[in-house]
Amino acid sequence: MGGISSLKLLPFVAGCAFAGYQYPEVPKDLTTPFQQRLSVYGPDAVSVGWNTYMQLEQSCVHYGLSESNLNTKACSSSSTTYDPSRTWSNVAVLTGLTPATTYYYKIDSTNSTVGHFLSPRTPGDKTAFSMDVVIDLGVYGKDGYTSKSAKKDSIPVVEPELNHTTIGRLAKSVDDYELIIHPGDFAYADDWYLKFSNLFEGKEAYESIIEQFYDQLAPIAGRKLYMASPGNHEADCSEIPYLNNLCPKGQNNFTEFMHRYEKTMPQSFVSSSSNTNAQALARKARSLSLPPFWYSFEYGMAHVVMIDTETDFPDAPSGPDGSAKLNGGPFGTATQQIDFLKADLASVDRSVTPWVIVAGHRPWYSTGKSSNSCGPCQEAFEGLFYQYGVDLGVFGHVHNSQRFLPVVNGTADPNGMKDPKAPMYIVAGGAGNIEGLSSVGSQPDYTEFAYDEDYSYSTIRFLDEQHLQVDFVRSSTGEILDSSTLYKEHATDFVEQ
């Protein structure tokens, strides 16, 4: 990885104006891969994404079962950019992978190193595994920005200054989890205006923050399968609507997010069930999925659905005329996301993947002020969560950690954590960013845990077919702040209630 310079107040040749941004250094070899990212792309496939400082005619990755024998090659012609990005997004899809096996890979460049990853578990594999949840994650370091790069190595290495952060903890605990989900808010580049020195060069500050963040994340995302969906900070170049008229097109309407993830996130999988109705529903869900905004994937005992809480449902907050006034989307047809979710959840065979996890950005259950809760999201999604027996809803947006008893329509399930019909909900928005943490504030009576004292994230442990453990981890120390176990009988193959 290239070096990352600190954001300093540099003289700007125009009166008394100053530019507060400074880009990472451009390498001499423009094919050098940066910002590496891996994702589940199918039951036997992994996508490898990376950025370069030039467009590639062919984006290629060599891979194999040993570091010295990378005997298979995958290529694509995909190498895209947008104005005013300095980099191109590239992708190659590695196929025919043996499940749950360590693979080695090297991006085709005269200046790249060999990395490795664990291939996806087959849907229905009942082996216990863990999945980390990281949401609302921004650039780290002094004043929210880093002073040095995170070195890419065979084992993730993060600069000592960053070891108190979530990225540092993810590096230290890299052997404890198999994949990460990140439903929204990456980098916080749209907060460029929070540094006065950026005010005269907002579009450049935005891009410099994007480059710095994904350089910092690469030691994690280039080692672990990293699944993304959108948040409000991906919608536009600023959360202040009148500033958005100053943005180039590439910084509007989720453009950077789409360039980075559109071709690395999967379409929903075909069904692993022997039930023909489930197979038909899964095919329908696949045809309606629209990565990177909404899609699902299966991994061992888990069926994971990533949804878009920003656009593409009635009164969506970041949609046209939404409450956030960011005028994003729509990206699908009028009811496409809701129709996708109905078909997808109805297709899940619990004898294959007993646990159903749905992850989005904005929560409808939260502590604190009422504006923390997304009413239109609840109206659009909660009924489907209950109808099809979603086990766990994962959200962020509020910058702290929260856990609730299983709840529906604002009422706790009488069974609590022992075979409830209602979903359990968590908020895992405390990973850390330039905006800081949110105070817990008032707590609904179904609140079980709330924490706002330090950066934190969540780990979901799939113990067996009936037991799901949810932990909250303090990033600075690794201590477990809260641990709970949800018991679900999963006696019905296809849930509809």
Protein backbone atom coordinates (compact mmCIF):
# COMPACT_ATOMS: atom_id res chain seq x y z
CA MET A 1 0.00 0.00 0.00
CA GLY A 2 1.07 3.58 -0.61
CA GLY A 3 1.84 6.09 2.08
CA ILE A 4 -0.92 8.29 3.47
CA SER A 5 -0.01 11.86 4.43
CA SER A 6 -1.66 13.70 7.28
CA LEU A 7 -4.32 16.30 6.63
CA LYS A 8 -2.54 19.57 7.39
CA LEU A 9 -3.37 23.19 6.84
CA LEU A 10 -1.55 23.87 3.58
CA PRO A 11 -1.38 27.36 2.02
CA PHE A 12 -3.80 27.73 -0.83
CA VAL A 13 -2.81 30.24 -3.52
CA ALA A 14 -5.92 32.40 -3.35
CA GLY A 15 -6.07 35.23 -0.87
CA CYS A 16 -6.52 33.91 2.64
CA ALA A 17 -8.07 30.57 1.62
CA PHE A 18 -6.53 27.29 2.75
CA ALA A 19 -6.82 23.68 1.56
CA GLY A 20 -6.89 21.21 4.43
CA TYR A 21 -6.69 18.02 2.38
CA GLN A 22 -3.65 16.12 1.16
CA TYR A 23 -3.94 13.06 -1.05
CA PRO A 24 -2.12 9.78 -0.49
CA GLU A 25 1.05 9.51 -2.55
CA VAL A 26 0.67 8.22 -6.11
CA PRO A 27 3.02 5.26 -6.78
CA LYS A 28 5.49 5.21 -9.66
CA ASP A 29 3.89 1.98 -10.89
CA LEU A 30 0.31 3.01 -11.62
CA THR A 31 -0.85 -0.63 -11.73
CA THR A 32 -0.10 -0.97 -7.98
CA PRO A 33 -3.26 -2.25 -6.26
CA PHE A 34 -4.75 -0.23 -3.41
CA GLN A 35 -7.95 -0.41 -1.36
CA GLN A 36 -8.30 -4.18 -1.74
CA ARG A 37 -11.65 -5.71 -0.82
CA LEU A 38 -13.01 -9.27 -0.85
CA SER A 39 -16.65 -10.34 -0.89
CA VAL A 40 -18.77 -13.48 -1.01
CA TYR A 41 -19.92 -13.66 -4.63
CA GLY A 42 -21.53 -17.10 -4.67
CA PRO A 43 -21.48 -20.42 -2.81
CA ASP A 44 -18.10 -21.19 -4.44
CA ALA A 45 -17.00 -17.72 -5.54
CA VAL A 46 -15.24 -14.66 -4.13
CA SER A 47 -14.92 -11.26 -5.76
CA VAL A 48 -11.66 -9.33 -5.47
CA GLY A 49 -11.97 -5.57 -5.86
CA TRP A 50 -9.14 -3.04 -5.85
CA ASN A 51 -8.27 0.45 -7.07
CA THR A 52 -5.42 1.67 -9.23
CA TYR A 53 -4.19 5.08 -10.35
CA MET A 54 -4.66 4.15 -13.99
CA GLN A 55 -7.30 2.34 -16.02
CA LEU A 56 -6.53 -1.33 -16.65
CA GLU A 57 -7.26 -3.07 -19.93
CA GLN A 58 -7.56 -6.34 -18.03
CA SER A 59 -8.16 -6.68 -14.27
CA CYS A 60 -6.63 -10.04 -13.32
CA VAL A 61 -6.00 -12.06 -10.15
CA HIS A 62 -3.90 -15.22 -9.81
CA TYR A 63 -5.01 -17.64 -7.09
CA GLY A 64 -4.43 -21.11 -5.72
CA LEU A 65 -4.08 -23.31 -2.65
CA SER A 66 -0.52 -22.30 -1.80
CA GLU A 67 1.45 -19.09 -1.91
CA SER A 68 3.92 -20.65 -4.34
CA ASN A 69 1.36 -22.20 -6.69
CA LEU A 70 -1.14 -19.58 -7.87
CA ASN A 71 -2.16 -21.76 -10.79
CA THR A 72 -5.59 -20.29 -11.62
CA LYS A 73 -6.31 -16.89 -13.12
CA ALA A 74 -9.48 -14.79 -13.20
CA CYS A 75 -9.84 -11.61 -15.26
CA SER A 76 -12.41 -9.03 -16.24
CA SER A 77 -12.44 -5.94 -18.43
CA SER A 78 -14.06 -3.88 -15.68
CA SER A 79 -12.04 -0.78 -14.73
CA THR A 80 -14.22 2.25 -14.03
CA THR A 81 -13.94 5.73 -12.58
CA TYR A 82 -15.98 8.91 -12.13
CA ASP A 83 -15.29 12.64 -12.02
CA PRO A 84 -13.33 13.76 -9.93
CA SER A 85 -11.86 10.48 -8.63
CA ARG A 86 -8.13 9.91 -9.16
CA THR A 87 -8.50 6.10 -9.12
CA TRP A 88 -10.18 3.33 -11.11
CA SER A 89 -12.19 0.52 -9.49
CA ASN A 90 -11.29 -2.97 -10.74
CA VAL A 91 -12.74 -6.40 -10.06
CA ALA A 92 -12.16 -10.07 -10.80
CA VAL A 93 -14.30 -12.99 -9.63
CA LEU A 94 -12.58 -16.14 -8.38
CA THR A 95 -14.74 -19.21 -9.03
CA GLY A 96 -14.68 -22.96 -8.42
CA LEU A 97 -13.48 -22.54 -4.84
CA THR A 98 -13.49 -25.45 -2.41
CA PRO A 99 -15.63 -24.39 0.59
CA ALA A 100 -14.05 -23.20 3.86
CA THR A 101 -10.53 -23.47 2.46
CA THR A 102 -7.61 -21.06 2.64
CA TYR A 103 -6.77 -19.60 -0.78
CA TYR A 104 -3.87 -17.39 -1.74
CA TYR A 105 -4.21 -14.61 -4.28
CA LYS A 106 -2.11 -12.02 -6.06
CA ILE A 107 -3.50 -9.11 -8.03
CA ASP A 108 -1.79 -8.85 -11.42
CA SER A 109 0.73 -6.01 -11.09
CA THR A 110 4.48 -5.55 -11.05
CA ASN A 111 4.05 -4.18 -7.52
CA SER A 112 1.67 -6.43 -5.55
CA THR A 113 1.97 -9.00 -2.81
CA VAL A 114 0.30 -12.34 -2.08
CA GLY A 115 -2.72 -12.22 0.24
CA HIS A 116 -5.00 -14.96 1.48
CA PHE A 117 -8.60 -15.58 2.57
CA LEU A 118 -10.98 -18.30 3.72
CA SER A 119 -13.45 -19.26 0.99
CA PRO A 120 -17.19 -19.21 1.86
CA ARG A 121 -18.80 -22.00 3.82
CA THR A 122 -21.36 -24.03 1.89
CA PRO A 123 -24.97 -23.10 2.70
CA GLY A 124 -26.10 -25.70 5.22
CA ASP A 125 -22.66 -26.29 6.74
CA LYS A 126 -23.49 -26.49 10.47
CA THR A 127 -19.97 -25.64 11.67
CA ALA A 128 -19.91 -22.83 14.24
CA PHE A 129 -18.46 -19.51 13.02
CA SER A 130 -18.44 -15.80 13.84
CA MET A 131 -19.32 -12.72 11.80
CA ASP A 132 -18.37 -9.18 12.84
CA VAL A 133 -20.70 -6.20 12.41
CA VAL A 134 -19.08 -2.81 11.72
CA ILE A 135 -21.22 0.24 10.91
CA ASP A 136 -20.61 4.00 10.81
CA LEU A 137 -16.85 3.67 10.35
CA GLY A 138 -14.73 6.66 9.35
CA VAL A 139 -11.13 7.69 8.86
CA TYR A 140 -9.04 7.36 12.01
CA GLY A 141 -6.24 9.31 13.63
CA LYS A 142 -5.79 12.76 15.11
CA ASP A 143 -8.94 14.84 14.68
CA GLY A 144 -10.54 11.95 12.84
CA TYR A 145 -7.80 11.64 10.23
CA THR A 146 -4.79 9.37 10.12
CA SER A 147 -1.16 10.49 9.93
CA LYS A 148 0.30 7.30 8.49
CA SER A 149 -0.90 4.44 6.34
CA ALA A 150 -1.91 1.01 7.56
CA LYS A 151 0.63 -1.42 6.14
CA LYS A 152 -0.69 -4.29 4.03
CA ASP A 153 0.84 -7.56 5.13
CA SER A 154 -0.03 -11.24 5.30
CA ILE A 155 -1.28 -10.46 8.80
CA PRO A 156 -3.13 -7.14 9.07
CA VAL A 157 -0.88 -4.49 10.57
CA VAL A 158 -2.20 -1.14 11.71
CA GLU A 159 -0.04 1.80 12.77
CA PRO A 160 0.33 2.09 16.58
CA GLU A 161 -1.58 5.36 16.61
CA LEU A 162 -4.56 3.49 15.24
CA ASN A 163 -4.50 0.53 17.62
CA HIS A 164 -7.18 2.10 19.83
CA THR A 165 -9.60 2.03 16.91
CA THR A 166 -12.03 -0.53 15.58
CA ILE A 167 -9.80 -1.19 12.56
CA GLY A 168 -6.93 -1.96 14.92
CA ARG A 169 -9.08 -4.36 16.94
CA LEU A 170 -10.28 -6.10 13.77
CA ALA A 171 -6.62 -6.62 12.87
CA LYS A 172 -5.70 -8.02 16.30
CA SER A 173 -8.69 -10.38 16.35
CA VAL A 174 -8.41 -11.41 12.69
CA ASP A 175 -8.48 -15.13 13.48
CA ASP A 176 -11.67 -14.86 15.56
CA TYR A 177 -14.16 -14.10 12.75
CA GLU A 178 -14.70 -15.27 9.18
CA LEU A 179 -16.48 -12.35 7.54
CA ILE A 180 -17.75 -8.83 8.18
CA ILE A 181 -21.00 -7.08 7.29
CA HIS A 182 -21.02 -3.30 7.00
CA PRO A 183 -24.49 -1.91 6.30
CA GLY A 184 -23.75 1.71 5.62
CA ASP A 185 -21.65 4.78 6.32
CA PHE A 186 -18.11 4.39 5.03
CA ALA A 187 -15.33 6.99 5.38
CA TYR A 188 -17.54 10.03 6.15
CA ALA A 189 -16.07 11.86 3.19
CA ASP A 190 -19.23 13.98 3.04
CA ASP A 191 -18.17 15.50 6.37
CA TRP A 192 -15.26 17.28 4.66
CA TYR A 193 -16.84 20.62 5.60
CA LEU A 194 -16.32 19.92 9.32
CA LYS A 195 -12.71 21.02 8.85
CA PHE A 196 -12.73 24.74 8.07
CA SER A 197 -9.58 24.37 5.98
CA ASN A 198 -11.50 22.20 3.49
CA LEU A 199 -14.21 24.74 2.71
CA PHE A 200 -12.63 26.05 -0.50
CA GLU A 201 -11.80 22.67 -2.02
CA GLY A 202 -14.63 20.40 -0.93
CA LYS A 203 -14.58 18.05 -3.91
CA GLU A 204 -10.85 17.39 -3.45
CA ALA A 205 -11.19 16.96 0.32
CA TYR A 206 -14.00 14.45 -0.29
CA GLU A 207 -11.82 12.35 -2.59
CA SER A 208 -8.77 12.50 -0.32
CA ILE A 209 -10.83 11.18 2.60
CA ILE A 210 -12.22 8.36 0.41
CA GLU A 211 -8.71 7.31 -0.61
CA GLN A 212 -7.37 7.47 2.95
CA PHE A 213 -10.25 5.48 4.41
CA TYR A 214 -10.12 2.62 1.93
CA ASP A 215 -6.32 2.48 2.21
CA GLN A 216 -6.78 2.10 5.97
CA LEU A 217 -9.48 -0.56 5.58
CA ALA A 218 -7.54 -2.67 3.04
CA PRO A 219 -5.64 -4.78 5.60
CA ILE A 220 -9.04 -6.00 6.83
CA ALA A 221 -11.19 -5.97 3.67
CA GLY A 222 -8.35 -7.54 1.65
CA ARG A 223 -8.09 -10.42 4.11
CA LYS A 224 -11.71 -11.06 5.20
CA LEU A 225 -14.92 -11.32 3.17
CA TYR A 226 -16.46 -7.86 3.58
CA MET A 227 -20.13 -7.30 2.69
CA ALA A 228 -21.44 -3.78 2.09
CA SER A 229 -24.76 -1.96 1.73
CA PRO A 230 -25.51 1.79 1.73
CA GLY A 231 -26.01 4.40 4.44
CA ASN A 232 -26.85 8.08 4.32
CA HIS A 233 -23.18 9.14 4.14
CA GLU A 234 -22.89 7.43 0.76
CA ALA A 235 -25.78 9.43 -0.70
CA ASP A 236 -24.13 12.75 -1.50
CA CYS A 237 -21.06 14.92 -1.12
CA SER A 238 -22.61 16.61 1.92
CA GLU A 239 -25.45 16.18 4.37
CA ILE A 240 -26.07 19.92 4.00
CA PRO A 241 -28.40 20.05 0.99
CA TYR A 242 -27.40 23.49 -0.31
CA LEU A 243 -23.75 22.40 -0.58
CA ASN A 244 -24.69 19.52 -2.86
CA ASN A 245 -25.22 21.90 -5.78
CA LEU A 246 -21.46 22.45 -5.69
CA CYS A 247 -20.67 18.74 -6.10
CA PRO A 248 -19.50 17.11 -9.32
CA LYS A 249 -21.74 14.30 -10.53
CA GLY A 250 -19.44 11.61 -9.16
CA GLN A 251 -20.11 12.78 -5.62
CA ASN A 252 -23.89 12.67 -5.94
CA ASN A 253 -26.50 9.91 -5.70
CA PHE A 254 -24.34 7.08 -4.28
CA THR A 255 -22.00 7.22 -7.31
CA GLU A 256 -18.75 6.46 -5.46
CA PHE A 257 -20.44 3.64 -3.52
CA MET A 258 -21.76 2.09 -6.74
CA HIS A 259 -18.38 2.26 -8.52
CA ARG A 260 -16.71 0.57 -5.59
CA TYR A 261 -19.22 -2.17 -4.79
CA GLU A 262 -21.70 -2.69 -7.65
CA LYS A 263 -19.64 -5.43 -9.31
CA THR A 264 -18.26 -6.99 -6.12
CA MET A 265 -21.49 -7.65 -4.20
CA PRO A 266 -23.50 -10.73 -5.24
CA GLN A 267 -26.92 -11.24 -6.67
CA SER A 268 -29.00 -13.35 -4.30
CA PHE A 269 -28.09 -17.03 -4.39
CA VAL A 270 -30.08 -19.79 -6.05
CA SER A 271 -31.82 -21.95 -3.46
CA SER A 272 -29.99 -24.69 -1.61
CA SER A 273 -33.35 -26.25 -0.68
CA SER A 274 -34.84 -29.33 -2.31
CA ASN A 275 -38.28 -27.67 -2.09
CA THR A 276 -39.41 -26.58 -5.57
CA ASN A 277 -41.45 -23.64 -4.27
CA ALA A 278 -38.41 -22.36 -2.36
CA GLN A 279 -36.33 -22.70 -5.52
CA ALA A 280 -38.86 -20.65 -7.50
CA LEU A 281 -39.02 -17.95 -4.84
CA ALA A 282 -35.22 -17.78 -4.68
CA ARG A 283 -35.06 -17.36 -8.46
CA LYS A 284 -37.57 -14.52 -8.17
CA ALA A 285 -35.56 -12.90 -5.37
CA ARG A 286 -32.39 -13.21 -7.43
CA SER A 287 -34.04 -11.47 -10.39
CA LEU A 288 -35.21 -8.63 -8.11
CA SER A 289 -31.97 -8.23 -6.15
CA LEU A 290 -30.00 -5.09 -6.94
CA PRO A 291 -26.51 -5.18 -5.47
CA PRO A 292 -24.95 -3.26 -3.83
CA PHE A 293 -28.25 -1.80 -2.55
CA TRP A 294 -30.25 -4.93 -1.70
CA TYR A 295 -29.27 -8.60 -2.04
CA SER A 296 -28.80 -11.72 0.08
CA PHE A 297 -26.17 -14.40 0.47
CA GLU A 298 -25.82 -17.65 2.38
CA TYR A 299 -22.88 -18.72 4.50
CA GLY A 300 -22.99 -21.90 6.57
CA MET A 301 -25.99 -21.74 8.92
CA ALA A 302 -26.82 -18.14 7.97
CA HIS A 303 -29.05 -16.52 5.38
CA VAL A 304 -28.02 -12.84 5.39
CA VAL A 305 -30.05 -10.11 3.70
CA MET A 306 -28.64 -6.64 3.09
CA ILE A 307 -31.29 -3.95 2.56
CA ASP A 308 -31.33 -0.28 1.56
CA THR A 309 -32.94 1.94 4.22
CA GLU A 310 -32.09 5.11 2.23
CA THR A 311 -34.10 4.81 -1.00
CA ASP A 312 -36.64 2.69 -2.88
CA PHE A 313 -39.57 2.46 -0.51
CA PRO A 314 -42.32 4.97 0.38
CA ASP A 315 -40.98 8.09 2.14
CA ALA A 316 -37.43 6.72 2.15
CA PRO A 317 -35.33 9.31 3.99
CA SER A 318 -32.60 9.80 1.36
CA GLY A 319 -34.94 9.32 -1.60
CA PRO A 320 -36.61 12.04 -3.68
CA ASP A 321 -38.40 14.40 -1.28
CA GLY A 322 -37.23 12.29 1.68
CA SER A 323 -36.67 13.78 5.10
CA ALA A 324 -32.87 13.84 4.60
CA LYS A 325 -33.36 15.95 1.44
CA LEU A 326 -30.55 14.13 -0.37
CA ASN A 327 -32.63 13.26 -3.47
CA GLY A 328 -31.13 9.80 -3.94
CA GLY A 329 -32.43 7.06 -6.20
CA PRO A 330 -34.69 5.42 -7.01
CA PHE A 331 -32.55 2.56 -8.26
CA GLY A 332 -35.20 -0.08 -8.88
CA THR A 333 -38.80 -0.13 -10.03
CA ALA A 334 -41.52 1.18 -7.72
CA THR A 335 -41.83 -1.84 -5.40
CA GLN A 336 -38.73 -3.81 -6.38
CA GLN A 337 -36.93 -3.79 -3.02
CA ILE A 338 -40.06 -4.78 -1.06
CA ASP A 339 -40.95 -7.48 -3.60
CA PHE A 340 -37.37 -8.76 -3.38
CA LEU A 341 -37.52 -8.96 0.40
CA LYS A 342 -40.85 -10.83 0.37
CA ALA A 343 -39.62 -13.43 -2.10
CA ASP A 344 -36.22 -13.77 -0.48
CA LEU A 345 -37.47 -14.30 3.09
CA ALA A 346 -40.20 -16.69 1.92
CA SER A 347 -37.58 -18.80 0.11
CA VAL A 348 -35.45 -19.53 3.19
CA ASP A 349 -35.40 -23.22 4.13
CA ARG A 350 -34.56 -23.31 7.86
CA SER A 351 -33.46 -26.94 7.59
CA VAL A 352 -30.57 -25.62 5.45
CA THR A 353 -29.91 -22.13 6.83
CA PRO A 354 -31.73 -21.89 10.18
CA TRP A 355 -30.60 -18.32 10.99
CA VAL A 356 -32.00 -15.34 9.09
CA ILE A 357 -30.19 -12.04 9.61
CA VAL A 358 -31.33 -8.81 7.95
CA ALA A 359 -28.98 -5.83 8.01
CA GLY A 360 -29.71 -2.23 7.06
CA HIS A 361 -28.48 1.19 8.05
CA ARG A 362 -31.28 3.14 9.78
CA PRO A 363 -32.94 1.51 12.80
CA TRP A 364 -36.55 1.79 13.86
CA TYR A 365 -35.74 0.76 17.43
CA SER A 366 -33.24 2.98 19.19
CA THR A 367 -32.53 4.72 22.46
CA GLY A 368 -32.39 8.50 22.63
CA LYS A 369 -34.35 11.10 20.70
CA SER A 370 -37.25 10.09 18.48
CA SER A 371 -35.42 11.21 15.34
CA ASN A 372 -33.01 8.29 15.86
CA SER A 373 -35.79 5.93 14.78
CA CYS A 374 -36.77 5.63 11.11
CA GLY A 375 -40.57 5.53 10.94
CA PRO A 376 -40.79 4.97 7.17
CA CYS A 377 -38.30 2.09 7.50
CA GLN A 378 -40.46 0.47 10.16
CA GLU A 379 -43.55 0.91 8.01
CA ALA A 380 -41.83 -0.67 5.01
CA PHE A 381 -39.94 -3.54 6.62
CA GLU A 382 -41.05 -4.53 10.13
CA GLY A 383 -44.17 -6.45 9.07
CA LEU A 384 -42.10 -8.61 6.71
CA PHE A 385 -39.49 -9.26 9.38
CA TYR A 386 -42.20 -10.62 11.69
CA GLN A 387 -44.17 -12.46 9.02
CA TYR A 388 -41.18 -14.47 7.84
CA GLY A 389 -39.53 -14.99 11.21
CA VAL A 390 -36.37 -12.93 10.87
CA ASP A 391 -34.17 -13.86 13.83
CA LEU A 392 -31.96 -10.78 14.09
CA GLY A 393 -32.19 -7.25 12.69
CA VAL A 394 -28.85 -5.42 12.50
CA PHE A 395 -28.68 -1.64 12.17
CA GLY A 396 -26.44 1.37 12.81
CA HIS A 397 -26.81 5.11 12.06
CA VAL A 398 -26.97 6.00 15.76
CA HIS A 399 -23.36 6.20 16.91
CA ASN A 400 -23.35 3.85 19.86
CA SER A 401 -24.14 0.21 20.70
CA GLN A 402 -27.59 -1.04 21.68
CA ARG A 403 -29.35 -4.36 22.18
CA PHE A 404 -33.07 -4.93 22.58
CA LEU A 405 -35.24 -7.85 23.56
CA PRO A 406 -37.16 -9.40 20.66
CA VAL A 407 -39.85 -6.85 19.87
CA VAL A 408 -42.64 -6.16 17.39
CA ASN A 409 -44.79 -3.05 17.07
CA GLY A 410 -43.06 -1.58 20.11
CA THR A 411 -43.95 -4.49 22.39
CA ALA A 412 -41.46 -7.01 23.73
CA ASP A 413 -42.12 -10.64 22.81
CA PRO A 414 -43.43 -12.48 25.92
CA ASN A 415 -40.99 -15.33 25.26
CA GLY A 416 -38.01 -13.01 25.53
CA MET A 417 -34.83 -14.69 24.31
CA LYS A 418 -36.32 -18.21 24.46
CA ASP A 419 -37.92 -19.02 21.12
CA PRO A 420 -39.61 -15.66 20.42
CA LYS A 421 -41.68 -15.03 17.33
CA ALA A 422 -40.49 -11.41 17.08
CA PRO A 423 -37.01 -10.50 15.82
CA MET A 424 -34.21 -9.46 18.12
CA TYR A 425 -32.71 -6.05 17.16
CA ILE A 426 -29.29 -4.51 17.69
CA VAL A 427 -27.69 -1.18 16.81
CA ALA A 428 -23.94 -1.39 16.14
CA GLY A 429 -23.13 2.17 15.13
CA GLY A 430 -20.31 2.86 17.56
CA ALA A 431 -17.35 1.86 15.35
CA GLY A 432 -16.05 5.45 15.28
CA ASN A 433 -15.92 8.40 12.91
CA ILE A 434 -15.25 12.14 12.85
CA GLU A 435 -18.75 12.91 14.17
CA GLY A 436 -18.03 11.12 17.44
CA LEU A 437 -20.32 9.02 19.60
CA SER A 438 -24.02 9.60 20.33
CA SER A 439 -25.28 9.65 23.91
CA VAL A 440 -27.57 6.79 24.86
CA GLY A 441 -30.33 9.08 26.13
CA SER A 442 -33.74 7.66 27.05
CA GLN A 443 -34.18 3.89 26.87
CA PRO A 444 -37.34 1.99 25.87
CA ASP A 445 -38.43 -0.61 28.40
CA TYR A 446 -37.29 -3.44 26.12
CA THR A 447 -33.68 -2.13 26.12
CA GLU A 448 -31.19 -4.70 27.40
CA PHE A 449 -27.88 -2.94 26.72
CA ALA A 450 -26.72 0.52 25.65
CA TYR A 451 -23.16 1.87 25.55
CA ASP A 452 -21.73 5.23 24.45
CA GLU A 453 -18.44 5.59 26.34
CA ASP A 454 -16.00 4.34 23.71
CA TYR A 455 -15.81 2.93 20.18
CA SER A 456 -17.35 -0.52 19.90
CA TYR A 457 -18.70 -3.06 17.44
CA SER A 458 -20.56 -6.37 17.47
CA THR A 459 -19.73 -10.01 16.88
CA ILE A 460 -22.44 -12.51 15.92
CA ARG A 461 -21.55 -16.08 16.83
CA PHE A 462 -23.51 -18.85 15.09
CA LEU A 463 -23.07 -21.55 17.73
CA ASP A 464 -25.45 -24.17 16.37
CA GLU A 465 -28.89 -24.42 14.78
CA GLN A 466 -30.68 -23.20 17.90
CA HIS A 467 -28.21 -20.84 19.61
CA LEU A 468 -27.02 -17.44 18.39
CA GLN A 469 -24.67 -15.39 20.55
CA VAL A 470 -24.38 -11.62 20.12
CA ASP A 471 -21.41 -9.85 21.70
CA PHE A 472 -20.49 -6.19 21.85
CA VAL A 473 -16.76 -5.50 21.91
CA ARG A 474 -14.92 -2.41 23.14
CA SER A 475 -12.53 -1.53 20.33
CA SER A 476 -9.75 -0.08 22.48
CA THR A 477 -9.37 -3.08 24.77
CA GLY A 478 -11.16 -6.04 23.17
CA GLU A 479 -13.23 -6.58 26.31
CA ILE A 480 -16.74 -8.00 25.92
CA LEU A 481 -19.15 -5.27 27.02
CA ASP A 482 -22.30 -7.34 26.64
CA SER A 483 -23.07 -10.91 25.64
CA SER A 484 -26.45 -12.51 25.03
CA THR A 485 -27.69 -15.78 23.55
CA LEU A 486 -30.86 -16.10 21.50
CA TYR A 487 -32.51 -19.52 21.45
CA LYS A 488 -34.73 -20.41 18.49
CA GLU A 489 -36.24 -23.85 18.02
CA HIS A 490 -36.41 -23.47 14.21
CA ALA A 491 -38.89 -26.31 14.09
CA THR A 492 -40.57 -25.03 10.89
CA ASP A 493 -38.71 -25.28 7.60
CA PHE A 494 -40.57 -22.35 6.03
CA VAL A 495 -41.73 -19.66 8.42
CA GLU A 496 -44.87 -17.60 7.81
CA GLN A 497 -46.73 -16.22 10.79
